[in-house]
């Protein structure tokens, strides 16, 4: 199981997998919508990337993704580039306490809904 690979050194690599630490279920996923650069873990917007987000368990309390959902830290000079399908999935998670994403340098910061 991917989430358990490095536990002997205190690292949990989460590639569409979960780990429970301190009683909190954490889920991680590396995929982002295709950004036009041919990078790893890119998926086309729509049904292709929605399949990746469908893997997020309903009881996840913390979700970590490589890229942000639409309108949350996703603004770059050409506009908003976050994932609308990720935003929709996060909206369905009743146990979600926090979503953490990274990657878009221009959209840094913290946002509250």
N, C-alpha and C. Protein backbone atom coordinates (compact mmCIF):
# COMPACT_ATOMS: atom_id res chain seq x y z
N UNK A 1 0.85 -1.18 0.00
CA UNK A 1 0.00 0.00 0.00
C UNK A 1 0.89 1.24 0.00
N UNK A 2 0.60 2.15 -0.90
CA UNK A 2 1.44 3.34 -1.10
C UNK A 2 1.58 4.16 0.17
N UNK A 3 0.51 4.31 0.94
CA UNK A 3 0.55 5.16 2.13
C UNK A 3 1.50 4.63 3.18
N UNK A 4 1.83 3.36 3.17
CA UNK A 4 2.64 2.75 4.22
C UNK A 4 4.09 2.55 3.83
N UNK A 5 4.46 2.90 2.63
CA UNK A 5 5.78 2.57 2.10
C UNK A 5 6.95 3.06 2.93
N UNK A 6 6.88 4.25 3.47
CA UNK A 6 8.02 4.85 4.15
C UNK A 6 7.77 5.05 5.65
N UNK A 7 6.83 4.34 6.22
CA UNK A 7 6.49 4.57 7.62
C UNK A 7 7.64 4.26 8.56
N UNK A 8 8.57 3.42 8.15
CA UNK A 8 9.70 3.11 9.03
C UNK A 8 10.61 4.31 9.27
N UNK A 9 10.50 5.36 8.44
CA UNK A 9 11.29 6.58 8.67
C UNK A 9 10.39 7.78 8.98
N UNK A 10 9.11 7.51 9.24
CA UNK A 10 8.19 8.58 9.63
C UNK A 10 7.59 9.37 8.49
N UNK A 11 7.66 8.85 7.28
CA UNK A 11 7.12 9.54 6.11
C UNK A 11 5.95 8.73 5.56
N UNK A 12 4.89 9.41 5.20
CA UNK A 12 3.73 8.77 4.58
C UNK A 12 3.53 9.41 3.21
N UNK A 13 3.84 8.69 2.16
CA UNK A 13 3.63 9.19 0.81
C UNK A 13 2.21 8.81 0.40
N UNK A 14 1.41 9.81 0.11
CA UNK A 14 0.00 9.58 -0.19
C UNK A 14 -0.28 9.85 -1.67
N UNK A 15 -0.43 8.79 -2.43
CA UNK A 15 -0.78 8.91 -3.84
C UNK A 15 -2.13 8.23 -4.01
N UNK A 16 -3.18 9.02 -3.88
CA UNK A 16 -4.55 8.50 -3.84
C UNK A 16 -4.67 7.42 -2.79
N UNK A 17 -4.25 7.80 -1.59
CA UNK A 17 -4.33 6.89 -0.46
C UNK A 17 -4.48 7.71 0.82
N UNK A 18 -4.75 7.00 1.90
CA UNK A 18 -5.03 7.65 3.19
C UNK A 18 -4.13 7.08 4.27
N UNK A 19 -4.01 7.87 5.31
CA UNK A 19 -3.36 7.42 6.54
C UNK A 19 -4.11 8.09 7.69
N UNK A 20 -4.21 7.39 8.81
CA UNK A 20 -4.82 7.98 10.00
C UNK A 20 -3.72 8.24 11.01
N UNK A 21 -3.57 9.49 11.39
CA UNK A 21 -2.56 9.91 12.36
C UNK A 21 -3.25 10.68 13.47
N UNK A 22 -3.03 10.28 14.70
CA UNK A 22 -3.66 10.97 15.82
C UNK A 22 -5.18 10.94 15.73
N UNK A 23 -5.73 9.91 15.12
CA UNK A 23 -7.17 9.79 14.99
C UNK A 23 -7.77 10.62 13.86
N UNK A 24 -6.94 11.26 13.04
CA UNK A 24 -7.42 12.10 11.93
C UNK A 24 -7.09 11.40 10.62
N UNK A 25 -8.10 11.22 9.76
CA UNK A 25 -7.90 10.57 8.46
C UNK A 25 -7.46 11.60 7.45
N UNK A 26 -6.28 11.37 6.88
CA UNK A 26 -5.67 12.28 5.91
C UNK A 26 -5.58 11.57 4.57
N UNK A 27 -6.03 12.25 3.53
CA UNK A 27 -6.00 11.69 2.18
C UNK A 27 -5.16 12.59 1.29
N UNK A 28 -4.33 12.01 0.45
CA UNK A 28 -3.49 12.79 -0.44
C UNK A 28 -3.58 12.34 -1.88
N UNK A 29 -3.52 13.30 -2.81
CA UNK A 29 -3.59 13.01 -4.24
C UNK A 29 -2.71 13.98 -5.02
N UNK A 30 -1.95 13.48 -5.99
CA UNK A 30 -1.02 14.34 -6.74
C UNK A 30 -1.57 14.95 -8.02
N UNK A 31 -2.74 14.57 -8.46
CA UNK A 31 -3.21 14.98 -9.78
C UNK A 31 -3.64 16.44 -9.84
N UNK A 32 -3.48 17.02 -11.03
CA UNK A 32 -3.95 18.37 -11.32
C UNK A 32 -4.54 18.37 -12.73
N UNK A 33 -5.40 19.35 -13.02
CA UNK A 33 -5.85 19.45 -14.40
C UNK A 33 -4.67 19.75 -15.32
N UNK A 34 -4.75 19.26 -16.53
CA UNK A 34 -3.70 19.51 -17.52
C UNK A 34 -3.45 21.01 -17.62
N UNK A 35 -2.19 21.39 -17.52
CA UNK A 35 -1.81 22.79 -17.45
C UNK A 35 -1.08 23.21 -18.71
N UNK A 36 -1.05 22.33 -19.71
CA UNK A 36 -0.42 22.67 -20.97
C UNK A 36 1.07 22.43 -21.04
N UNK A 37 1.63 21.77 -20.05
CA UNK A 37 3.07 21.56 -20.02
C UNK A 37 3.47 20.08 -20.15
N UNK A 38 2.50 19.16 -20.16
CA UNK A 38 2.82 17.74 -20.25
C UNK A 38 3.46 17.17 -19.01
N UNK A 39 3.14 17.73 -17.86
CA UNK A 39 3.74 17.29 -16.61
C UNK A 39 3.11 16.00 -16.09
N UNK A 40 3.80 15.37 -15.18
CA UNK A 40 3.29 14.14 -14.55
C UNK A 40 2.03 14.43 -13.76
N UNK A 41 1.17 13.44 -13.64
CA UNK A 41 -0.06 13.50 -12.84
C UNK A 41 -1.09 14.48 -13.39
N UNK A 42 -0.95 14.93 -14.63
CA UNK A 42 -1.98 15.78 -15.25
C UNK A 42 -3.11 14.91 -15.78
N UNK A 43 -4.33 15.42 -15.64
CA UNK A 43 -5.51 14.77 -16.20
C UNK A 43 -6.35 15.85 -16.88
N UNK A 44 -7.03 15.47 -17.93
CA UNK A 44 -7.92 16.41 -18.61
C UNK A 44 -9.06 16.80 -17.70
N UNK A 45 -9.50 18.03 -17.81
CA UNK A 45 -10.64 18.51 -17.03
C UNK A 45 -11.88 17.73 -17.41
N UNK A 46 -12.83 17.67 -16.49
CA UNK A 46 -14.07 16.96 -16.75
C UNK A 46 -14.02 15.54 -16.21
N UNK A 47 -14.57 14.61 -16.94
CA UNK A 47 -14.74 13.25 -16.41
C UNK A 47 -13.41 12.57 -16.08
N UNK A 48 -12.34 12.89 -16.81
CA UNK A 48 -11.06 12.23 -16.56
C UNK A 48 -10.51 12.57 -15.17
N UNK A 49 -10.51 13.85 -14.81
CA UNK A 49 -10.00 14.20 -13.49
C UNK A 49 -11.04 13.94 -12.40
N UNK A 50 -12.31 14.02 -12.75
CA UNK A 50 -13.37 13.73 -11.77
C UNK A 50 -13.25 12.30 -11.26
N UNK A 51 -12.77 11.38 -12.11
CA UNK A 51 -12.55 9.99 -11.67
C UNK A 51 -11.50 9.93 -10.56
N UNK A 52 -10.49 10.77 -10.65
CA UNK A 52 -9.45 10.81 -9.60
C UNK A 52 -10.05 11.31 -8.29
N UNK A 53 -10.86 12.37 -8.36
CA UNK A 53 -11.44 12.94 -7.14
C UNK A 53 -12.50 12.02 -6.54
N UNK A 54 -13.11 11.17 -7.35
CA UNK A 54 -14.10 10.21 -6.84
C UNK A 54 -13.45 9.22 -5.87
N UNK A 55 -12.13 9.09 -5.92
CA UNK A 55 -11.41 8.18 -5.02
C UNK A 55 -11.26 8.73 -3.60
N UNK A 56 -11.51 10.02 -3.41
CA UNK A 56 -11.39 10.61 -2.08
C UNK A 56 -12.47 10.01 -1.19
N UNK A 57 -12.09 9.40 -0.06
CA UNK A 57 -13.09 8.77 0.80
C UNK A 57 -13.99 9.80 1.49
N UNK A 58 -15.23 9.42 1.65
CA UNK A 58 -16.22 10.32 2.25
C UNK A 58 -15.86 10.72 3.67
N UNK A 59 -15.10 9.88 4.37
CA UNK A 59 -14.77 10.18 5.77
C UNK A 59 -13.42 10.88 5.94
N UNK A 60 -12.83 11.37 4.85
CA UNK A 60 -11.57 12.10 4.96
C UNK A 60 -11.79 13.41 5.72
N UNK A 61 -10.92 13.67 6.68
CA UNK A 61 -11.00 14.90 7.47
C UNK A 61 -10.03 15.96 6.95
N UNK A 62 -8.90 15.51 6.42
CA UNK A 62 -7.91 16.39 5.81
C UNK A 62 -7.65 15.85 4.41
N UNK A 63 -7.74 16.71 3.42
CA UNK A 63 -7.44 16.34 2.05
C UNK A 63 -6.29 17.21 1.57
N UNK A 64 -5.26 16.56 1.03
CA UNK A 64 -4.09 17.27 0.51
C UNK A 64 -4.01 16.97 -0.99
N UNK A 65 -3.96 18.03 -1.80
CA UNK A 65 -3.81 17.86 -3.24
C UNK A 65 -2.69 18.74 -3.75
N UNK A 66 -2.15 18.35 -4.88
CA UNK A 66 -1.05 19.11 -5.47
C UNK A 66 -1.52 20.49 -5.93
N UNK A 67 -2.66 20.53 -6.57
CA UNK A 67 -3.20 21.80 -7.05
C UNK A 67 -4.47 22.18 -6.31
N UNK A 68 -4.87 23.44 -6.42
CA UNK A 68 -6.03 23.94 -5.69
C UNK A 68 -7.35 23.71 -6.42
N UNK A 69 -8.45 23.82 -5.69
CA UNK A 69 -9.75 23.84 -6.34
C UNK A 69 -9.96 25.21 -7.00
N UNK A 70 -10.92 25.26 -7.88
CA UNK A 70 -11.24 26.51 -8.57
C UNK A 70 -11.57 27.61 -7.56
N UNK A 71 -11.02 28.80 -7.77
CA UNK A 71 -11.27 30.03 -7.01
C UNK A 71 -10.61 30.08 -5.64
N UNK A 72 -9.77 29.12 -5.29
CA UNK A 72 -9.08 29.13 -3.99
C UNK A 72 -7.58 29.07 -4.22
N UNK A 73 -6.95 30.22 -4.31
CA UNK A 73 -5.50 30.28 -4.50
C UNK A 73 -5.08 29.83 -5.89
N UNK A 74 -5.95 29.99 -6.86
CA UNK A 74 -5.67 29.46 -8.20
C UNK A 74 -5.51 30.54 -9.28
N UNK A 75 -5.46 31.81 -8.87
CA UNK A 75 -5.40 32.88 -9.88
C UNK A 75 -3.96 33.11 -10.33
N UNK A 76 -3.79 33.03 -11.62
CA UNK A 76 -2.51 33.31 -12.27
C UNK A 76 -2.78 34.40 -13.32
N UNK A 77 -1.75 34.94 -13.97
CA UNK A 77 -1.99 36.03 -14.92
C UNK A 77 -3.05 35.72 -15.99
N UNK A 78 -3.18 34.48 -16.39
CA UNK A 78 -4.16 34.16 -17.44
C UNK A 78 -5.56 33.87 -16.89
N UNK A 79 -5.74 33.93 -15.58
CA UNK A 79 -7.05 33.71 -14.97
C UNK A 79 -7.02 32.62 -13.91
N UNK A 80 -8.19 32.10 -13.58
CA UNK A 80 -8.29 31.02 -12.60
C UNK A 80 -8.02 29.69 -13.27
N UNK A 81 -7.13 28.89 -12.68
CA UNK A 81 -6.75 27.61 -13.28
C UNK A 81 -6.98 26.43 -12.35
N UNK A 82 -7.63 26.65 -11.22
CA UNK A 82 -7.92 25.56 -10.29
C UNK A 82 -8.91 24.57 -10.88
N UNK A 83 -9.19 23.54 -10.12
CA UNK A 83 -10.03 22.46 -10.61
C UNK A 83 -11.46 22.57 -10.08
N UNK A 84 -12.40 22.78 -11.00
CA UNK A 84 -13.81 22.87 -10.64
C UNK A 84 -14.33 21.53 -10.11
N UNK A 85 -13.87 20.42 -10.69
CA UNK A 85 -14.30 19.10 -10.23
C UNK A 85 -13.81 18.81 -8.82
N UNK A 86 -12.61 19.27 -8.47
CA UNK A 86 -12.13 19.12 -7.10
C UNK A 86 -12.99 19.94 -6.15
N UNK A 87 -13.32 21.16 -6.52
CA UNK A 87 -14.19 21.99 -5.70
C UNK A 87 -15.51 21.29 -5.43
N UNK A 88 -16.10 20.71 -6.47
CA UNK A 88 -17.36 19.99 -6.30
C UNK A 88 -17.22 18.80 -5.36
N UNK A 89 -16.12 18.05 -5.47
CA UNK A 89 -15.93 16.89 -4.60
C UNK A 89 -15.75 17.34 -3.15
N UNK A 90 -14.94 18.36 -2.92
CA UNK A 90 -14.72 18.84 -1.55
C UNK A 90 -16.03 19.28 -0.91
N UNK A 91 -16.93 19.85 -1.70
CA UNK A 91 -18.23 20.28 -1.19
C UNK A 91 -19.08 19.12 -0.69
N UNK A 92 -18.80 17.90 -1.12
CA UNK A 92 -19.60 16.74 -0.71
C UNK A 92 -19.09 16.06 0.55
N UNK A 93 -17.91 16.44 1.02
CA UNK A 93 -17.26 15.73 2.13
C UNK A 93 -17.73 16.29 3.47
N UNK A 94 -18.59 15.56 4.15
CA UNK A 94 -19.19 16.06 5.40
C UNK A 94 -18.21 16.06 6.57
N UNK A 95 -17.13 15.27 6.50
CA UNK A 95 -16.17 15.20 7.61
C UNK A 95 -14.96 16.11 7.39
N UNK A 96 -14.90 16.77 6.24
CA UNK A 96 -13.73 17.57 5.89
C UNK A 96 -13.54 18.74 6.85
N UNK A 97 -12.34 18.82 7.42
CA UNK A 97 -11.99 19.92 8.30
C UNK A 97 -11.09 20.93 7.59
N UNK A 98 -10.21 20.42 6.72
CA UNK A 98 -9.28 21.31 6.01
C UNK A 98 -8.84 20.65 4.71
N UNK A 99 -8.66 21.51 3.71
CA UNK A 99 -8.05 21.08 2.44
C UNK A 99 -6.76 21.87 2.28
N UNK A 100 -5.70 21.16 1.97
CA UNK A 100 -4.38 21.78 1.79
C UNK A 100 -3.94 21.51 0.36
N UNK A 101 -3.53 22.57 -0.33
CA UNK A 101 -3.00 22.37 -1.68
C UNK A 101 -1.77 23.23 -1.85
N UNK A 102 -1.12 23.00 -2.93
CA UNK A 102 0.07 23.78 -3.20
C UNK A 102 0.18 24.07 -4.67
N UNK A 103 1.35 24.43 -5.08
CA UNK A 103 1.82 24.54 -6.42
C UNK A 103 1.65 25.89 -7.11
N UNK A 104 0.54 26.57 -7.04
CA UNK A 104 0.40 27.83 -7.77
C UNK A 104 0.99 28.98 -6.96
N UNK A 105 2.18 29.36 -7.31
CA UNK A 105 2.93 30.34 -6.54
C UNK A 105 2.21 31.68 -6.42
N UNK A 106 1.54 32.10 -7.49
CA UNK A 106 0.84 33.39 -7.47
C UNK A 106 -0.35 33.38 -6.52
N UNK A 107 -0.89 32.21 -6.24
CA UNK A 107 -2.10 32.11 -5.43
C UNK A 107 -1.83 31.72 -3.99
N UNK A 108 -0.64 32.01 -3.49
CA UNK A 108 -0.28 31.60 -2.12
C UNK A 108 -1.20 32.22 -1.09
N UNK A 109 -1.20 31.65 0.09
CA UNK A 109 -1.98 32.18 1.19
C UNK A 109 -2.98 31.20 1.73
N UNK A 110 -3.85 31.70 2.56
CA UNK A 110 -4.85 30.86 3.19
C UNK A 110 -6.22 31.48 2.89
N UNK A 111 -7.17 30.62 2.60
CA UNK A 111 -8.52 31.09 2.29
C UNK A 111 -9.53 30.35 3.17
N UNK A 112 -10.53 31.05 3.62
CA UNK A 112 -11.62 30.44 4.38
C UNK A 112 -12.88 30.52 3.54
N UNK A 113 -13.69 29.49 3.65
CA UNK A 113 -14.99 29.50 2.93
C UNK A 113 -16.04 30.08 3.81
